[in-house]
Amino acid sequence: MNVLERVGERTSAFFEYAGGLTDLTASSLSFLLRARIRFGETVAQAYLLGYQSLAIVLLTSLFTGMVISLESAVQAVQYGFGNIVGTAVAYASARELGPMLTGIVVAGRAGSAIAAEIGSMVVTEQIEALRSMGIEPARYLVVPRLLALIVMLPLLTIFADVISILGGAWVAKTYAHIAYADFMQSARTGISMMDLDKGLVKTLVFAAIIALVGSFQGLRTRGGAAGVGKSTTGAVVISMILIFIANFALSLIFYGASA
């Protein structure tokens, strides 16, 4: 009976969480579609959540592209397939690793910051003060962060794709003696604009996940400073899980039919 009770409690908690997140998503989209946006705060959040994540996104993408190139270039040249190394790096970066790594890195940095900031406002009763003044937290807090990430995450992904390919080109030249021109030609022929577009569409979904989960975790914070820590950790973990699930679902939609 205790096992059944635990299963029931966790099932109830899951649906309660899913319902609350859905409600917050609907409220935020409603304000967004009606253009009830705090533009000044949105620009500030774009700087804090997007621009300040640029360095770590570039660093992560650079070494990822270098690793892909390193593991493929030497053997490809040995077997006479050196002309596909650029394709391999560009293909992996544009379709999967660029969007995924950017989403994961930003979830760790920006998602935790959103949850911590809003959670601190909850435990210090600032959210209740907003509601008492007739200000809806979804419009005041969530929409600027949501819009900022929707704008910035695709831009970060473009930079990530570029730096990943450049890093891969340097490794291919250094360790497999593949000329830069040959690498770039291979990269250009290996991917299409459609591949880049589909990768950027993924980032829009990832941006919404990061902003909404981080905000929801912050808004449901309870228990003082310890509660803020739990909400922050939960925001990162749940965002990453949902990003992996969304990435699989979108890949299935985009590429499954042609597989």
C-alpha atoms as a PDB file:
ATOM      1  CA  MET A   1       0.000   0.000   0.000  1.00  0.00           C
ATOM      2  CA  ASN A   2       2.871   2.355   0.788  1.00  0.00           C
ATOM      3  CA  VAL A   3       4.302   1.733  -2.674  1.00  0.00           C
ATOM      4  CA  LEU A   4       0.964   2.552  -4.279  1.00  0.00           C
ATOM      5  CA  GLU A   5       0.680   5.685  -2.199  1.00  0.00           C
ATOM      6  CA  ARG A   6       4.128   6.847  -3.283  1.00  0.00           C
ATOM      7  CA  VAL A   7       3.309   6.138  -6.923  1.00  0.00           C
ATOM      8  CA  GLY A   8       0.053   8.042  -6.552  1.00  0.00           C
ATOM      9  CA  GLU A   9       1.745  10.992  -4.887  1.00  0.00           C
ATOM     10  CA  ARG A  10       4.444  11.211  -7.552  1.00  0.00           C
ATOM     11  CA  THR A  11       1.902  10.889 -10.342  1.00  0.00           C
ATOM     12  CA  SER A  12      -0.188  13.638  -8.781  1.00  0.00           C
ATOM     13  CA  ALA A  13       2.913  15.828  -8.341  1.00  0.00           C
ATOM     14  CA  PHE A  14       3.883  15.249 -11.981  1.00  0.00           C
ATOM     15  CA  PHE A  15       0.509  16.326 -13.316  1.00  0.00           C
ATOM     16  CA  GLU A  16       0.389  19.253 -10.906  1.00  0.00           C
ATOM     17  CA  TYR A  17       3.794  20.397 -12.146  1.00  0.00           C
ATOM     18  CA  ALA A  18       2.861  19.874 -15.793  1.00  0.00           C
ATOM     19  CA  GLY A  19      -0.400  21.765 -15.309  1.00  0.00           C
ATOM     20  CA  GLY A  20       1.312  24.683 -13.580  1.00  0.00           C
ATOM     21  CA  LEU A  21       3.985  24.905 -16.269  1.00  0.00           C
ATOM     22  CA  THR A  22       1.337  24.754 -19.003  1.00  0.00           C
ATOM     23  CA  ASP A  23      -0.651  27.520 -17.322  1.00  0.00           C
ATOM     24  CA  LEU A  24       2.435  29.726 -17.047  1.00  0.00           C
ATOM     25  CA  THR A  25       3.267  29.035 -20.707  1.00  0.00           C
ATOM     26  CA  ALA A  26      -0.244  29.987 -21.823  1.00  0.00           C
ATOM     27  CA  SER A  27      -0.207  33.185 -19.747  1.00  0.00           C
ATOM     28  CA  SER A  28       3.204  34.212 -21.051  1.00  0.00           C
ATOM     29  CA  LEU A  29       2.299  33.526 -24.673  1.00  0.00           C
ATOM     30  CA  SER A  30      -0.900  35.501 -24.225  1.00  0.00           C
ATOM     31  CA  PHE A  31       1.022  38.576 -23.077  1.00  0.00           C
ATOM     32  CA  LEU A  32       3.614  38.031 -25.795  1.00  0.00           C
ATOM     33  CA  LEU A  33       1.061  37.757 -28.597  1.00  0.00           C
ATOM     34  CA  ARG A  34      -0.716  40.877 -27.358  1.00  0.00           C
ATOM     35  CA  ALA A  35       2.629  42.711 -27.407  1.00  0.00           C
ATOM     36  CA  ARG A  36       2.433  43.499 -23.709  1.00  0.00           C
ATOM     37  CA  ILE A  37       6.189  43.529 -23.431  1.00  0.00           C
ATOM     38  CA  ARG A  38       8.612  45.458 -21.230  1.00  0.00           C
ATOM     39  CA  PHE A  39      11.152  46.253 -23.921  1.00  0.00           C
ATOM     40  CA  GLY A  40      13.735  47.826 -21.618  1.00  0.00           C
ATOM     41  CA  GLU A  41      13.771  44.798 -19.340  1.00  0.00           C
ATOM     42  CA  THR A  42      13.858  42.475 -22.363  1.00  0.00           C
ATOM     43  CA  VAL A  43      17.016  44.165 -23.665  1.00  0.00           C
ATOM     44  CA  ALA A  44      18.594  43.954 -20.209  1.00  0.00           C
ATOM     45  CA  GLN A  45      17.776  40.241 -19.970  1.00  0.00           C
ATOM     46  CA  ALA A  46      19.121  39.647 -23.484  1.00  0.00           C
ATOM     47  CA  TYR A  47      22.434  41.062 -22.294  1.00  0.00           C
ATOM     48  CA  LEU A  48      22.469  39.151 -19.008  1.00  0.00           C
ATOM     49  CA  LEU A  49      21.194  35.794 -20.258  1.00  0.00           C
ATOM     50  CA  GLY A  50      22.452  35.848 -23.827  1.00  0.00           C
ATOM     51  CA  TYR A  51      25.502  38.025 -24.345  1.00  0.00           C
ATOM     52  CA  GLN A  52      27.125  37.024 -21.063  1.00  0.00           C
ATOM     53  CA  SER A  53      26.763  33.357 -22.063  1.00  0.00           C
ATOM     54  CA  LEU A  54      28.651  33.924 -25.318  1.00  0.00           C
ATOM     55  CA  ALA A  55      32.141  33.155 -24.021  1.00  0.00           C
ATOM     56  CA  ILE A  56      31.299  29.768 -22.521  1.00  0.00           C
ATOM     57  CA  VAL A  57      29.180  28.815 -25.556  1.00  0.00           C
ATOM     58  CA  LEU A  58      32.060  29.626 -27.909  1.00  0.00           C
ATOM     59  CA  LEU A  59      34.585  27.776 -25.761  1.00  0.00           C
ATOM     60  CA  THR A  60      32.410  24.670 -25.555  1.00  0.00           C
ATOM     61  CA  SER A  61      31.662  24.691 -29.284  1.00  0.00           C
ATOM     62  CA  LEU A  62      35.285  25.304 -30.236  1.00  0.00           C
ATOM     63  CA  PHE A  63      36.587  22.254 -28.427  1.00  0.00           C
ATOM     64  CA  THR A  64      33.660  20.125 -29.580  1.00  0.00           C
ATOM     65  CA  GLY A  65      34.400  20.919 -33.214  1.00  0.00           C
ATOM     66  CA  MET A  66      38.085  20.252 -32.620  1.00  0.00           C
ATOM     67  CA  VAL A  67      37.361  16.863 -31.046  1.00  0.00           C
ATOM     68  CA  ILE A  68      35.084  15.788 -33.920  1.00  0.00           C
ATOM     69  CA  SER A  69      37.711  16.841 -36.433  1.00  0.00           C
ATOM     70  CA  LEU A  70      40.544  15.194 -34.501  1.00  0.00           C
ATOM     71  CA  GLU A  71      38.736  11.856 -34.244  1.00  0.00           C
ATOM     72  CA  SER A  72      37.721  11.800 -37.909  1.00  0.00           C
ATOM     73  CA  ALA A  73      40.466  13.607 -39.830  1.00  0.00           C
ATOM     74  CA  VAL A  74      43.468  11.326 -39.358  1.00  0.00           C
ATOM     75  CA  GLN A  75      41.643   8.080 -40.113  1.00  0.00           C
ATOM     76  CA  ALA A  76      39.690   9.645 -42.964  1.00  0.00           C
ATOM     77  CA  VAL A  77      42.930  10.679 -44.639  1.00  0.00           C
ATOM     78  CA  GLN A  78      44.435   7.213 -44.096  1.00  0.00           C
ATOM     79  CA  TYR A  79      41.502   5.618 -45.905  1.00  0.00           C
ATOM     80  CA  GLY A  80      41.386   8.250 -48.626  1.00  0.00           C
ATOM     81  CA  PHE A  81      38.276  10.085 -47.419  1.00  0.00           C
ATOM     82  CA  GLY A  82      39.862  13.340 -46.286  1.00  0.00           C
ATOM     83  CA  ASN A  83      37.380  15.293 -48.370  1.00  0.00           C
ATOM     84  CA  ILE A  84      34.503  14.392 -46.020  1.00  0.00           C
ATOM     85  CA  VAL A  85      36.005  15.733 -42.778  1.00  0.00           C
ATOM     86  CA  GLY A  86      34.569  19.218 -43.272  1.00  0.00           C
ATOM     87  CA  THR A  87      31.197  17.674 -44.033  1.00  0.00           C
ATOM     88  CA  ALA A  88      31.305  15.629 -40.823  1.00  0.00           C
ATOM     89  CA  VAL A  89      32.123  18.619 -38.626  1.00  0.00           C
ATOM     90  CA  ALA A  90      29.651  20.993 -40.287  1.00  0.00           C
ATOM     91  CA  TYR A  91      26.903  18.369 -40.404  1.00  0.00           C
ATOM     92  CA  ALA A  92      27.208  17.469 -36.725  1.00  0.00           C
ATOM     93  CA  SER A  93      27.492  21.103 -35.647  1.00  0.00           C
ATOM     94  CA  ALA A  94      24.599  22.526 -37.661  1.00  0.00           C
ATOM     95  CA  ARG A  95      22.131  19.700 -37.094  1.00  0.00           C
ATOM     96  CA  GLU A  96      22.764  18.558 -33.549  1.00  0.00           C
ATOM     97  CA  LEU A  97      25.741  19.649 -31.503  1.00  0.00           C
ATOM     98  CA  GLY A  98      25.477  23.401 -32.121  1.00  0.00           C
ATOM     99  CA  PRO A  99      21.841  23.722 -30.987  1.00  0.00           C
ATOM    100  CA  MET A 100      22.132  21.052 -28.291  1.00  0.00           C
ATOM    101  CA  LEU A 101      25.336  22.269 -26.666  1.00  0.00           C
ATOM    102  CA  THR A 102      24.178  25.873 -26.770  1.00  0.00           C
ATOM    103  CA  GLY A 103      20.883  24.919 -25.159  1.00  0.00           C
ATOM    104  CA  ILE A 104      22.574  22.850 -22.451  1.00  0.00           C
ATOM    105  CA  VAL A 105      25.170  25.508 -21.639  1.00  0.00           C
ATOM    106  CA  VAL A 106      22.585  28.287 -21.497  1.00  0.00           C
ATOM    107  CA  ALA A 107      20.287  26.094 -19.397  1.00  0.00           C
ATOM    108  CA  GLY A 108      23.093  25.648 -16.885  1.00  0.00           C
ATOM    109  CA  ARG A 109      23.970  29.318 -16.761  1.00  0.00           C
ATOM    110  CA  ALA A 110      20.853  31.311 -17.620  1.00  0.00           C
ATOM    111  CA  GLY A 111      18.224  28.829 -16.426  1.00  0.00           C
ATOM    112  CA  SER A 112      19.762  28.678 -12.975  1.00  0.00           C
ATOM    113  CA  ALA A 113      20.044  32.472 -12.857  1.00  0.00           C
ATOM    114  CA  ILE A 114      16.360  32.892 -13.726  1.00  0.00           C
ATOM    115  CA  ALA A 115      15.251  30.413 -11.069  1.00  0.00           C
ATOM    116  CA  ALA A 116      17.526  31.914  -8.419  1.00  0.00           C
ATOM    117  CA  GLU A 117      16.466  35.492  -9.097  1.00  0.00           C
ATOM    118  CA  ILE A 118      12.738  34.820  -9.170  1.00  0.00           C
ATOM    119  CA  GLY A 119      13.006  32.383  -6.254  1.00  0.00           C
ATOM    120  CA  SER A 120      14.716  35.057  -4.169  1.00  0.00           C
ATOM    121  CA  MET A 121      11.879  37.437  -5.012  1.00  0.00           C
ATOM    122  CA  VAL A 122       9.370  34.827  -3.849  1.00  0.00           C
ATOM    123  CA  VAL A 123      11.002  34.162  -0.473  1.00  0.00           C
ATOM    124  CA  THR A 124      11.360  37.914   0.176  1.00  0.00           C
ATOM    125  CA  GLU A 125       7.656  38.367  -0.713  1.00  0.00           C
ATOM    126  CA  GLN A 126       8.334  40.661  -3.656  1.00  0.00           C
ATOM    127  CA  ILE A 127       6.060  38.543  -5.865  1.00  0.00           C
ATOM    128  CA  GLU A 128       3.190  39.000  -3.417  1.00  0.00           C
ATOM    129  CA  ALA A 129       3.857  42.735  -3.473  1.00  0.00           C
ATOM    130  CA  LEU A 130       3.587  42.732  -7.266  1.00  0.00           C
ATOM    131  CA  ARG A 131       0.302  40.850  -7.142  1.00  0.00           C
ATOM    132  CA  SER A 132      -1.059  43.240  -4.506  1.00  0.00           C
ATOM    133  CA  MET A 133      -0.391  46.109  -6.915  1.00  0.00           C
ATOM    134  CA  GLY A 134      -2.242  44.302  -9.688  1.00  0.00           C
ATOM    135  CA  ILE A 135       0.908  43.384 -11.617  1.00  0.00           C
ATOM    136  CA  GLU A 136       0.925  39.930 -13.163  1.00  0.00           C
ATOM    137  CA  PRO A 137       4.289  38.152 -12.543  1.00  0.00           C
ATOM    138  CA  ALA A 138       4.055  36.374 -15.899  1.00  0.00           C
ATOM    139  CA  ARG A 139       4.107  39.679 -17.772  1.00  0.00           C
ATOM    140  CA  TYR A 140       6.507  41.473 -15.436  1.00  0.00           C
ATOM    141  CA  LEU A 141       9.089  38.713 -14.979  1.00  0.00           C
ATOM    142  CA  VAL A 142       8.594  35.797 -17.357  1.00  0.00           C
ATOM    143  CA  VAL A 143       7.854  37.453 -20.713  1.00  0.00           C
ATOM    144  CA  PRO A 144      11.067  39.574 -20.832  1.00  0.00           C
ATOM    145  CA  ARG A 145      13.205  36.510 -20.087  1.00  0.00           C
ATOM    146  CA  LEU A 146      11.298  34.353 -22.547  1.00  0.00           C
ATOM    147  CA  LEU A 147      11.575  36.870 -25.379  1.00  0.00           C
ATOM    148  CA  ALA A 148      15.237  37.583 -24.607  1.00  0.00           C
ATOM    149  CA  LEU A 149      16.172  33.903 -24.870  1.00  0.00           C
ATOM    150  CA  ILE A 150      14.049  33.375 -27.995  1.00  0.00           C
ATOM    151  CA  VAL A 151      16.058  36.143 -29.665  1.00  0.00           C
ATOM    152  CA  MET A 152      19.493  35.361 -28.248  1.00  0.00           C
ATOM    153  CA  LEU A 153      19.694  31.565 -28.328  1.00  0.00           C
ATOM    154  CA  PRO A 154      19.531  31.288 -32.156  1.00  0.00           C
ATOM    155  CA  LEU A 155      22.224  33.983 -32.405  1.00  0.00           C
ATOM    156  CA  LEU A 156      24.425  32.131 -29.932  1.00  0.00           C
ATOM    157  CA  THR A 157      23.906  28.950 -31.941  1.00  0.00           C
ATOM    158  CA  ILE A 158      25.057  30.642 -35.152  1.00  0.00           C
ATOM    159  CA  PHE A 159      28.252  31.753 -33.427  1.00  0.00           C
ATOM    160  CA  ALA A 160      28.650  28.248 -31.983  1.00  0.00           C
ATOM    161  CA  ASP A 161      28.311  26.634 -35.426  1.00  0.00           C
ATOM    162  CA  VAL A 162      30.867  28.993 -36.950  1.00  0.00           C
ATOM    163  CA  ILE A 163      33.475  28.603 -34.214  1.00  0.00           C
ATOM    164  CA  SER A 164      33.004  24.816 -34.194  1.00  0.00           C
ATOM    165  CA  ILE A 165      33.714  24.608 -37.924  1.00  0.00           C
ATOM    166  CA  LEU A 166      36.713  26.940 -37.654  1.00  0.00           C
ATOM    167  CA  GLY A 167      38.144  24.891 -34.794  1.00  0.00           C
ATOM    168  CA  GLY A 168      37.613  21.723 -36.789  1.00  0.00           C
ATOM    169  CA  ALA A 169      39.368  23.272 -39.800  1.00  0.00           C
ATOM    170  CA  TRP A 170      42.404  24.180 -37.687  1.00  0.00           C
ATOM    171  CA  VAL A 171      42.698  20.664 -36.251  1.00  0.00           C
ATOM    172  CA  ALA A 172      42.253  19.078 -39.689  1.00  0.00           C
ATOM    173  CA  LYS A 173      45.006  21.297 -41.084  1.00  0.00           C
ATOM    174  CA  THR A 174      47.363  20.743 -38.146  1.00  0.00           C
ATOM    175  CA  TYR A 175      47.008  16.996 -37.617  1.00  0.00           C
ATOM    176  CA  ALA A 176      45.830  15.642 -40.978  1.00  0.00           C
ATOM    177  CA  HIS A 177      47.270  18.302 -43.315  1.00  0.00           C
ATOM    178  CA  ILE A 178      43.900  18.993 -44.928  1.00  0.00           C
ATOM    179  CA  ALA A 179      43.979  22.396 -46.590  1.00  0.00           C
ATOM    180  CA  TYR A 180      41.624  25.045 -45.249  1.00  0.00           C
ATOM    181  CA  ALA A 181      40.109  25.514 -48.715  1.00  0.00           C
ATOM    182  CA  ASP A 182      39.380  21.791 -49.049  1.00  0.00           C
ATOM    183  CA  PHE A 183      37.883  21.638 -45.549  1.00  0.00           C
ATOM    184  CA  MET A 184      35.621  24.639 -46.152  1.00  0.00           C
ATOM    185  CA  GLN A 185      34.549  23.339 -49.553  1.00  0.00           C
ATOM    186  CA  SER A 186      33.623  20.042 -47.945  1.00  0.00           C
ATOM    187  CA  ALA A 187      31.707  21.864 -45.215  1.00  0.00           C
ATOM    188  CA  ARG A 188      29.772  23.960 -47.742  1.00  0.00           C
ATOM    189  CA  THR A 189      28.760  20.979 -49.838  1.00  0.00           C
ATOM    190  CA  GLY A 190      27.923  18.805 -46.841  1.00  0.00           C
ATOM    191  CA  ILE A 191      25.154  20.913 -45.359  1.00  0.00           C
ATOM    192  CA  SER A 192      22.329  22.985 -46.776  1.00  0.00           C
ATOM    193  CA  MET A 193      20.546  26.084 -45.573  1.00  0.00           C
ATOM    194  CA  MET A 194      17.684  23.821 -44.560  1.00  0.00           C
ATOM    195  CA  ASP A 195      19.963  22.037 -42.080  1.00  0.00           C
ATOM    196  CA  LEU A 196      20.885  25.365 -40.495  1.00  0.00           C
ATOM    197  CA  ASP A 197      17.253  26.479 -40.387  1.00  0.00           C
ATOM    198  CA  LYS A 198      16.127  23.285 -38.679  1.00  0.00           C
ATOM    199  CA  GLY A 199      18.880  23.653 -36.106  1.00  0.00           C
ATOM    200  CA  LEU A 200      17.744  27.202 -35.372  1.00  0.00           C
ATOM    201  CA  VAL A 201      14.130  26.086 -35.026  1.00  0.00           C
ATOM    202  CA  LYS A 202      15.305  23.690 -32.337  1.00  0.00           C
ATOM    203  CA  THR A 203      16.897  26.557 -30.436  1.00  0.00           C
ATOM    204  CA  LEU A 204      13.572  28.421 -30.307  1.00  0.00           C
ATOM    205  CA  VAL A 205      12.033  25.449 -28.512  1.00  0.00           C
ATOM    206  CA  PHE A 206      15.054  25.125 -26.226  1.00  0.00           C
ATOM    207  CA  ALA A 207      14.860  28.843 -25.382  1.00  0.00           C
ATOM    208  CA  ALA A 208      11.211  28.511 -24.375  1.00  0.00           C
ATOM    209  CA  ILE A 209      12.009  25.475 -22.212  1.00  0.00           C
ATOM    210  CA  ILE A 210      14.862  27.247 -20.403  1.00  0.00           C
ATOM    211  CA  ALA A 211      12.935  30.453 -19.726  1.00  0.00           C
ATOM    212  CA  LEU A 212       9.638  28.858 -18.725  1.00  0.00           C
ATOM    213  CA  VAL A 213      11.065  26.071 -16.563  1.00  0.00           C
ATOM    214  CA  GLY A 214      13.471  28.476 -14.844  1.00  0.00           C
ATOM    215  CA  SER A 215      10.669  30.954 -14.175  1.00  0.00           C
ATOM    216  CA  PHE A 216       8.245  28.292 -12.981  1.00  0.00           C
ATOM    217  CA  GLN A 217      10.811  26.776 -10.652  1.00  0.00           C
ATOM    218  CA  GLY A 218      11.488  30.217  -9.239  1.00  0.00           C
ATOM    219  CA  LEU A 219       7.813  31.029  -8.745  1.00  0.00           C
ATOM    220  CA  ARG A 220       7.154  27.788  -6.855  1.00  0.00           C
ATOM    221  CA  THR A 221      10.100  28.292  -4.480  1.00  0.00           C
ATOM    222  CA  ARG A 222       9.345  27.600  -0.841  1.00  0.00           C
ATOM    223  CA  GLY A 223      11.493  27.397   2.285  1.00  0.00           C
ATOM    224  CA  GLY A 224      13.866  30.344   2.254  1.00  0.00           C
ATOM    225  CA  ALA A 225      17.452  30.162   1.013  1.00  0.00           C
ATOM    226  CA  ALA A 226      17.455  26.346   0.951  1.00  0.00           C
ATOM    227  CA  GLY A 227      14.361  26.434  -1.223  1.00  0.00           C
ATOM    228  CA  VAL A 228      16.085  28.782  -3.659  1.00  0.00           C
ATOM    229  CA  GLY A 229      18.933  26.301  -4.001  1.00  0.00           C
ATOM    230  CA  LYS A 230      16.533  23.426  -4.661  1.00  0.00           C
ATOM    231  CA  SER A 231      14.618  25.457  -7.233  1.00  0.00           C
ATOM    232  CA  THR A 232      17.834  26.414  -9.016  1.00  0.00           C
ATOM    233  CA  THR A 233      19.042  22.815  -9.174  1.00  0.00           C
ATOM    234  CA  GLY A 234      15.633  21.635 -10.315  1.00  0.00           C
ATOM    235  CA  ALA A 235      15.501  24.257 -13.049  1.00  0.00           C
ATOM    236  CA  VAL A 236      18.790  23.084 -14.554  1.00  0.00           C
ATOM    237  CA  VAL A 237      18.006  19.359 -14.312  1.00  0.00           C
ATOM    238  CA  ILE A 238      14.461  19.605 -15.653  1.00  0.00           C
ATOM    239  CA  SER A 239      15.476  21.984 -18.449  1.00  0.00           C
ATOM    240  CA  MET A 240      18.227  19.649 -19.607  1.00  0.00           C
ATOM    241  CA  ILE A 241      15.943  16.613 -19.555  1.00  0.00           C
ATOM    242  CA  LEU A 242      13.273  18.457 -21.541  1.00  0.00           C
ATOM    243  CA  ILE A 243      15.876  19.733 -24.018  1.00  0.00           C
ATOM    244  CA  PHE A 244      17.043  16.165 -24.709  1.00  0.00           C
ATOM    245  CA  ILE A 245      13.447  15.004 -25.135  1.00  0.00           C
ATOM    246  CA  ALA A 246      12.567  17.963 -27.371  1.00  0.00           C
ATOM    247  CA  ASN A 247      15.712  17.434 -29.436  1.00  0.00           C
ATOM    248  CA  PHE A 248      14.767  13.825 -30.111  1.00  0.00           C
ATOM    249  CA  ALA A 249      11.168  14.745 -30.957  1.00  0.00           C
ATOM    250  CA  LEU A 250      12.214  17.535 -33.320  1.00  0.00           C
ATOM    251  CA  SER A 251      14.863  15.352 -34.981  1.00  0.00           C
ATOM    252  CA  LEU A 252      12.210  12.706 -35.507  1.00  0.00           C
ATOM    253  CA  ILE A 253       9.927  15.290 -37.108  1.00  0.00           C
ATOM    254  CA  PHE A 254      12.615  16.892 -39.256  1.00  0.00           C
ATOM    255  CA  TYR A 255      14.645  13.880 -40.306  1.00  0.00           C
ATOM    256  CA  GLY A 256      12.664  10.764 -39.388  1.00  0.00           C
ATOM    257  CA  ALA A 257      10.621  10.687 -42.571  1.00  0.00           C
ATOM    258  CA  SER A 258      13.746  10.688 -44.727  1.00  0.00           C
ATOM    259  CA  ALA A 259      15.609   8.131 -42.621  1.00  0.00           C
END
